[in-house]
PDB file of N, CA and C in Angstrom:
ATOM      1  N   MET A   1    -101.942  73.147  -7.848  1.00  0.00           N
ATOM      2  CA  MET A   1    -103.058  72.870  -8.877  1.00  0.00           C
ATOM      3  C   MET A   1    -102.667  71.902  -9.809  1.00  0.00           C
ATOM      4  N   LYS A   2    -103.692  70.922 -10.047  1.00  0.00           N
ATOM      5  CA  LYS A   2    -103.423  69.827 -10.892  1.00  0.00           C
ATOM      6  C   LYS A   2    -104.491  69.865 -12.093  1.00  0.00           C
ATOM      7  N   LYS A   3    -104.069  69.312 -13.311  1.00  0.00           N
ATOM      8  CA  LYS A   3    -104.982  69.280 -14.389  1.00  0.00           C
ATOM      9  C   LYS A   3    -105.828  68.029 -14.290  1.00  0.00           C
ATOM     10  N   TYR A   4    -107.067  68.127 -14.532  1.00  0.00           N
ATOM     11  CA  TYR A   4    -107.993  66.983 -14.440  1.00  0.00           C
ATOM     12  C   TYR A   4    -108.804  66.862 -15.877  1.00  0.00           C
ATOM     13  N   TYR A   5    -109.148  65.581 -16.050  1.00  0.00           N
ATOM     14  CA  TYR A   5    -109.927  65.156 -17.259  1.00  0.00           C
ATOM     15  C   TYR A   5    -111.005  64.228 -16.862  1.00  0.00           C
ATOM     16  N   VAL A   6    -112.022  64.236 -17.569  1.00  0.00           N
ATOM     17  CA  VAL A   6    -113.111  63.281 -17.393  1.00  0.00           C
ATOM     18  C   VAL A   6    -113.192  62.329 -18.631  1.00  0.00           C
ATOM     19  N   ASN A   7    -113.366  61.084 -18.351  1.00  0.00           N
ATOM     20  CA  ASN A   7    -113.560  60.089 -19.447  1.00  0.00           C
ATOM     21  C   ASN A   7    -114.952  60.335 -20.116  1.00  0.00           C
ATOM     22  N   LYS A   8    -114.914  60.538 -21.426  1.00  0.00           N
ATOM     23  CA  LYS A   8    -116.184  60.723 -22.232  1.00  0.00           C
ATOM     24  C   LYS A   8    -117.008  59.429 -22.291  1.00  0.00           C
ATOM     25  N   ASN A   9    -116.402  58.345 -22.113  1.00  0.00           N
ATOM     26  CA  ASN A   9    -117.050  56.979 -22.152  1.00  0.00           C
ATOM     27  C   ASN A   9    -117.415  56.481 -20.809  1.00  0.00           C
ATOM     28  N   ALA A  10    -118.610  56.197 -20.596  1.00  0.00           N
ATOM     29  CA  ALA A  10    -119.085  55.730 -19.255  1.00  0.00           C
ATOM     30  C   ALA A  10    -118.551  54.295 -19.011  1.00  0.00           C
ATOM     31  N   GLN A  11    -118.249  54.078 -17.791  1.00  0.00           N
ATOM     32  CA  GLN A  11    -117.946  52.656 -17.405  1.00  0.00           C
ATOM     33  C   GLN A  11    -119.314  51.792 -17.437  1.00  0.00           C
ATOM     34  N   SER A  12    -119.192  50.489 -17.207  1.00  0.00           N
ATOM     35  CA  SER A  12    -120.360  49.646 -17.187  1.00  0.00           C
ATOM     36  C   SER A  12    -121.376  49.981 -16.117  1.00  0.00           C
ATOM     37  N   ASN A  13    -120.985  50.770 -15.054  1.00  0.00           N
ATOM     38  CA  ASN A  13    -121.938  51.165 -14.010  1.00  0.00           C
ATOM     39  C   ASN A  13    -122.504  52.559 -14.358  1.00  0.00           C
ATOM     40  N   GLY A  14    -122.101  53.157 -15.480  1.00  0.00           N
ATOM     41  CA  GLY A  14    -122.594  54.483 -15.806  1.00  0.00           C
ATOM     42  C   GLY A  14    -121.784  55.613 -15.493  1.00  0.00           C
ATOM     43  N   ASP A  15    -120.708  55.344 -14.638  1.00  0.00           N
ATOM     44  CA  ASP A  15    -119.813  56.384 -14.240  1.00  0.00           C
ATOM     45  C   ASP A  15    -118.843  56.953 -15.288  1.00  0.00           C
ATOM     46  N   HIS A  16    -118.606  58.283 -15.266  1.00  0.00           N
ATOM     47  CA  HIS A  16    -117.738  58.902 -16.096  1.00  0.00           C
ATOM     48  C   HIS A  16    -116.484  59.297 -15.069  1.00  0.00           C
ATOM     49  N   GLU A  17    -115.438  58.627 -15.173  1.00  0.00           N
ATOM     50  CA  GLU A  17    -114.313  58.821 -14.251  1.00  0.00           C
ATOM     51  C   GLU A  17    -113.513  60.038 -14.557  1.00  0.00           C
ATOM     52  N   VAL A  18    -113.108  60.739 -13.426  1.00  0.00           N
ATOM     53  CA  VAL A  18    -112.300  61.920 -13.384  1.00  0.00           C
ATOM     54  C   VAL A  18    -110.874  61.500 -13.043  1.00  0.00           C
ATOM     55  N   HIS A  19    -109.910  61.983 -13.847  1.00  0.00           N
ATOM     56  CA  HIS A  19    -108.532  61.514 -13.675  1.00  0.00           C
ATOM     57  C   HIS A  19    -107.631  62.777 -13.570  1.00  0.00           C
ATOM     58  N   GLN A  20    -106.533  62.647 -12.857  1.00  0.00           N
ATOM     59  CA  GLN A  20    -105.433  63.594 -12.961  1.00  0.00           C
ATOM     60  C   GLN A  20    -104.663  63.425 -14.183  1.00  0.00           C
ATOM     61  N   GLN A  21    -103.876  64.453 -14.575  1.00  0.00           N
ATOM     62  CA  GLN A  21    -103.206  64.402 -15.849  1.00  0.00           C
ATOM     63  C   GLN A  21    -102.289  63.236 -15.976  1.00  0.00           C
ATOM     64  N   ASN A  22    -101.594  62.801 -14.895  1.00  0.00           N
ATOM     65  CA  ASN A  22    -100.529  61.806 -14.897  1.00  0.00           C
ATOM     66  C   ASN A  22    -101.102  60.433 -14.601  1.00  0.00           C
ATOM     67  N   CYS A  23    -102.449  60.188 -14.446  1.00  0.00           N
ATOM     68  CA  CYS A  23    -102.999  58.893 -14.172  1.00  0.00           C
ATOM     69  C   CYS A  23    -102.644  57.874 -15.302  1.00  0.00           C
ATOM     70  N   THR A  24    -102.349  56.637 -14.848  1.00  0.00           N
ATOM     71  CA  THR A  24    -102.090  55.653 -15.729  1.00  0.00           C
ATOM     72  C   THR A  24    -103.447  55.172 -16.413  1.00  0.00           C
ATOM     73  N   TYR A  25    -104.572  55.431 -15.894  1.00  0.00           N
ATOM     74  CA  TYR A  25    -105.798  55.040 -16.513  1.00  0.00           C
ATOM     75  C   TYR A  25    -106.378  56.042 -17.267  1.00  0.00           C
ATOM     76  N   LEU A  26    -105.807  57.183 -17.520  1.00  0.00           N
ATOM     77  CA  LEU A  26    -106.334  58.244 -18.395  1.00  0.00           C
ATOM     78  C   LEU A  26    -106.330  57.744 -19.826  1.00  0.00           C
ATOM     79  N   LEU A  27    -107.439  57.822 -20.458  1.00  0.00           N
ATOM     80  CA  LEU A  27    -107.503  57.271 -21.903  1.00  0.00           C
ATOM     81  C   LEU A  27    -106.907  58.225 -22.892  1.00  0.00           C
ATOM     82  N   SER A  28    -106.919  57.861 -24.157  1.00  0.00           N
ATOM     83  CA  SER A  28    -106.430  58.662 -25.216  1.00  0.00           C
ATOM     84  C   SER A  28    -107.177  59.912 -25.297  1.00  0.00           C
ATOM     85  N   PRO A  29    -106.457  61.024 -25.812  1.00  0.00           N
ATOM     86  CA  PRO A  29    -107.083  62.319 -26.007  1.00  0.00           C
ATOM     87  C   PRO A  29    -108.468  62.319 -26.579  1.00  0.00           C
ATOM     88  N   GLY A  30    -108.791  61.499 -27.552  1.00  0.00           N
ATOM     89  CA  GLY A  30    -110.082  61.498 -28.157  1.00  0.00           C
ATOM     90  C   GLY A  30    -111.177  61.020 -27.222  1.00  0.00           C
ATOM     91  N   ASN A  31    -110.805  60.366 -26.122  1.00  0.00           N
ATOM     92  CA  ASN A  31    -111.853  59.739 -25.198  1.00  0.00           C
ATOM     93  C   ASN A  31    -111.959  60.594 -23.825  1.00  0.00           C
ATOM     94  N   GLN A  32    -111.284  61.724 -23.813  1.00  0.00           N
ATOM     95  CA  GLN A  32    -111.276  62.447 -22.594  1.00  0.00           C
ATOM     96  C   GLN A  32    -111.603  63.887 -22.815  1.00  0.00           C
ATOM     97  N   GLN A  33    -112.048  64.528 -21.820  1.00  0.00           N
ATOM     98  CA  GLN A  33    -112.435  65.951 -21.873  1.00  0.00           C
ATOM     99  C   GLN A  33    -111.767  66.674 -20.838  1.00  0.00           C
ATOM    100  N   TYR A  34    -111.050  67.759 -21.117  1.00  0.00           N
ATOM    101  CA  TYR A  34    -110.315  68.584 -20.239  1.00  0.00           C
ATOM    102  C   TYR A  34    -111.197  69.309 -19.367  1.00  0.00           C
ATOM    103  N   LEU A  35    -111.100  69.221 -18.012  1.00  0.00           N
ATOM    104  CA  LEU A  35    -111.909  69.927 -17.031  1.00  0.00           C
ATOM    105  C   LEU A  35    -111.318  71.240 -16.525  1.00  0.00           C
ATOM    106  N   GLY A  36    -109.937  71.332 -16.465  1.00  0.00           N
ATOM    107  CA  GLY A  36    -109.333  72.419 -15.967  1.00  0.00           C
ATOM    108  C   GLY A  36    -108.244  72.158 -14.895  1.00  0.00           C
ATOM    109  N   GLU A  37    -107.733  73.152 -14.251  1.00  0.00           N
ATOM    110  CA  GLU A  37    -106.930  73.026 -13.150  1.00  0.00           C
ATOM    111  C   GLU A  37    -107.581  73.287 -11.840  1.00  0.00           C
ATOM    112  N   PHE A  38    -107.443  72.363 -10.820  1.00  0.00           N
ATOM    113  CA  PHE A  38    -108.077  72.425  -9.621  1.00  0.00           C
ATOM    114  C   PHE A  38    -107.192  72.000  -8.494  1.00  0.00           C
ATOM    115  N   SER A  39    -107.368  72.508  -7.267  1.00  0.00           N
ATOM    116  CA  SER A  39    -106.582  72.228  -6.045  1.00  0.00           C
ATOM    117  C   SER A  39    -107.044  70.959  -5.502  1.00  0.00           C
ATOM    118  N   THR A  40    -108.251  70.508  -5.724  1.00  0.00           N
ATOM    119  CA  THR A  40    -108.698  69.272  -5.166  1.00  0.00           C
ATOM    120  C   THR A  40    -109.567  68.459  -6.212  1.00  0.00           C
ATOM    121  N   CYS A  41    -109.647  67.239  -5.945  1.00  0.00           N
ATOM    122  CA  CYS A  41    -110.392  66.411  -6.877  1.00  0.00           C
ATOM    123  C   CYS A  41    -111.866  66.738  -6.752  1.00  0.00           C
ATOM    124  N   ASP A  42    -112.347  67.080  -5.551  1.00  0.00           N
ATOM    125  CA  ASP A  42    -113.749  67.419  -5.278  1.00  0.00           C
ATOM    126  C   ASP A  42    -114.236  68.480  -6.235  1.00  0.00           C
ATOM    127  N   SER A  43    -113.406  69.489  -6.479  1.00  0.00           N
ATOM    128  CA  SER A  43    -113.670  70.580  -7.476  1.00  0.00           C
ATOM    129  C   SER A  43    -113.833  70.060  -8.828  1.00  0.00           C
ATOM    130  N   ALA A  44    -112.875  69.126  -9.212  1.00  0.00           N
ATOM    131  CA  ALA A  44    -112.866  68.532 -10.529  1.00  0.00           C
ATOM    132  C   ALA A  44    -114.050  67.660 -10.810  1.00  0.00           C
ATOM    133  N   VAL A  45    -114.499  66.904  -9.868  1.00  0.00           N
ATOM    134  CA  VAL A  45    -115.680  66.103  -9.982  1.00  0.00           C
ATOM    135  C   VAL A  45    -117.002  66.909 -10.095  1.00  0.00           C
ATOM    136  N   ARG A  46    -116.964  68.079  -9.280  1.00  0.00           N
ATOM    137  CA  ARG A  46    -118.167  68.950  -9.455  1.00  0.00           C
ATOM    138  C   ARG A  46    -118.233  69.545 -10.899  1.00  0.00           C
ATOM    139  N   GLU A  47    -117.062  69.857 -11.473  1.00  0.00           N
ATOM    140  CA  GLU A  47    -117.030  70.415 -12.820  1.00  0.00           C
ATOM    141  C   GLU A  47    -117.423  69.349 -13.766  1.00  0.00           C
ATOM    142  N   ALA A  48    -116.938  68.131 -13.551  1.00  0.00           N
ATOM    143  CA  ALA A  48    -117.350  67.043 -14.482  1.00  0.00           C
ATOM    144  C   ALA A  48    -118.843  66.675 -14.448  1.00  0.00           C
ATOM    145  N   LYS A  49    -119.575  66.947 -13.377  1.00  0.00           N
ATOM    146  CA  LYS A  49    -120.939  66.662 -13.322  1.00  0.00           C
ATOM    147  C   LYS A  49    -121.764  67.701 -14.094  1.00  0.00           C
ATOM    148  N   LYS A  50    -121.070  68.799 -14.495  1.00  0.00           N
ATOM    149  CA  LYS A  50    -121.784  69.747 -15.365  1.00  0.00           C
ATOM    150  C   LYS A  50    -121.990  69.164 -16.737  1.00  0.00           C
ATOM    151  N   TYR A  51    -121.097  68.235 -17.113  1.00  0.00           N
ATOM    152  CA  TYR A  51    -121.167  67.489 -18.399  1.00  0.00           C
ATOM    153  C   TYR A  51    -121.818  66.131 -18.260  1.00  0.00           C
ATOM    154  N   TYR A  52    -121.496  65.425 -17.246  1.00  0.00           N
ATOM    155  CA  TYR A  52    -121.883  64.089 -17.065  1.00  0.00           C
ATOM    156  C   TYR A  52    -122.442  63.927 -15.628  1.00  0.00           C
ATOM    157  N   ARG A  53    -123.756  63.877 -15.463  1.00  0.00           N
ATOM    158  CA  ARG A  53    -124.302  63.802 -14.127  1.00  0.00           C
ATOM    159  C   ARG A  53    -123.707  62.792 -13.195  1.00  0.00           C
ATOM    160  N   GLN A  54    -123.421  61.603 -13.797  1.00  0.00           N
ATOM    161  CA  GLN A  54    -122.843  60.469 -12.971  1.00  0.00           C
ATOM    162  C   GLN A  54    -121.369  60.491 -13.173  1.00  0.00           C
ATOM    163  N   SER A  55    -120.656  61.368 -12.546  1.00  0.00           N
ATOM    164  CA  SER A  55    -119.235  61.304 -12.538  1.00  0.00           C
ATOM    165  C   SER A  55    -118.629  60.933 -11.196  1.00  0.00           C
ATOM    166  N   ASN A  56    -117.421  60.384 -11.264  1.00  0.00           N
ATOM    167  CA  ASN A  56    -116.810  59.864 -10.051  1.00  0.00           C
ATOM    168  C   ASN A  56    -115.305  59.911 -10.165  1.00  0.00           C
ATOM    169  N   GLY A  57    -114.754  60.155  -9.084  1.00  0.00           N
ATOM    170  CA  GLY A  57    -113.207  60.099  -9.050  1.00  0.00           C
ATOM    171  C   GLY A  57    -112.607  58.780  -9.351  1.00  0.00           C
ATOM    172  N   CYS A  58    -111.447  58.722 -10.004  1.00  0.00           N
ATOM    173  CA  CYS A  58    -110.689  57.479 -10.166  1.00  0.00           C
ATOM    174  C   CYS A  58    -110.192  56.881  -8.915  1.00  0.00           C
ATOM    175  N   LYS A  59    -110.268  55.673  -8.705  1.00  0.00           N
ATOM    176  CA  LYS A  59    -109.949  54.977  -7.544  1.00  0.00           C
ATOM    177  C   LYS A  59    -108.338  55.142  -7.354  1.00  0.00           C
ATOM    178  N   THR A  60    -107.614  55.179  -8.486  1.00  0.00           N
ATOM    179  CA  THR A  60    -106.169  55.146  -8.377  1.00  0.00           C
ATOM    180  C   THR A  60    -105.653  56.621  -8.077  1.00  0.00           C
ATOM    181  N   CYS A  61    -106.037  57.628  -8.967  1.00  0.00           N
ATOM    182  CA  CYS A  61    -105.460  58.940  -8.823  1.00  0.00           C
ATOM    183  C   CYS A  61    -106.349  59.950  -8.013  1.00  0.00           C
ATOM    184  N   CYS A  62    -107.665  59.592  -7.738  1.00  0.00           N
ATOM    185  CA  CYS A  62    -108.473  60.481  -6.933  1.00  0.00           C
ATOM    186  C   CYS A  62    -109.207  59.693  -5.884  1.00  0.00           C
ATOM    187  N   PRO A  63    -108.516  58.927  -5.051  1.00  0.00           N
ATOM    188  CA  PRO A  63    -109.125  58.084  -4.175  1.00  0.00           C
ATOM    189  C   PRO A  63    -110.118  58.639  -3.177  1.00  0.00           C
ATOM    190  N   THR A  64    -109.837  59.911  -2.846  1.00  0.00           N
ATOM    191  CA  THR A  64    -110.644  60.567  -1.756  1.00  0.00           C
ATOM    192  C   THR A  64    -112.079  61.116  -2.483  1.00  0.00           C
ATOM    193  N   CYS A  65    -112.107  61.015  -3.836  1.00  0.00           N
ATOM    194  CA  CYS A  65    -113.275  61.369  -4.468  1.00  0.00           C
ATOM    195  C   CYS A  65    -113.928  60.109  -5.148  1.00  0.00           C
ATOM    196  N   HIS A  66    -113.460  59.000  -4.901  1.00  0.00           N
ATOM    197  CA  HIS A  66    -113.982  57.828  -5.455  1.00  0.00           C
ATOM    198  C   HIS A  66    -115.023  57.225  -4.558  1.00  0.00           C
ATOM    199  N   THR A  67    -116.273  56.968  -5.157  1.00  0.00           N
ATOM    200  CA  THR A  67    -117.336  56.258  -4.338  1.00  0.00           C
ATOM    201  C   THR A  67    -117.475  54.929  -4.760  1.00  0.00           C
ATOM    202  N   LYS A  68    -117.950  54.107  -4.013  1.00  0.00           N
ATOM    203  CA  LYS A  68    -118.114  52.660  -4.290  1.00  0.00           C
ATOM    204  C   LYS A  68    -119.418  52.385  -4.881  1.00  0.00           C
TER     205      LYS A  68
END
């Protein structure tokens, strides 16, 4: 199980990125929301979509959940 966070600030395309705890692109604590511990990034992205409809996995730490 890994800890996941979603960026509170949307990117220029409107996506709120989901990151694993150890991702180099995870922003400061004030700009992230803890989602919980999940066995897959798919589950974490589903959880993030409860808060931000346009959520997407980080290309670096969640490549299988990243859409172009």
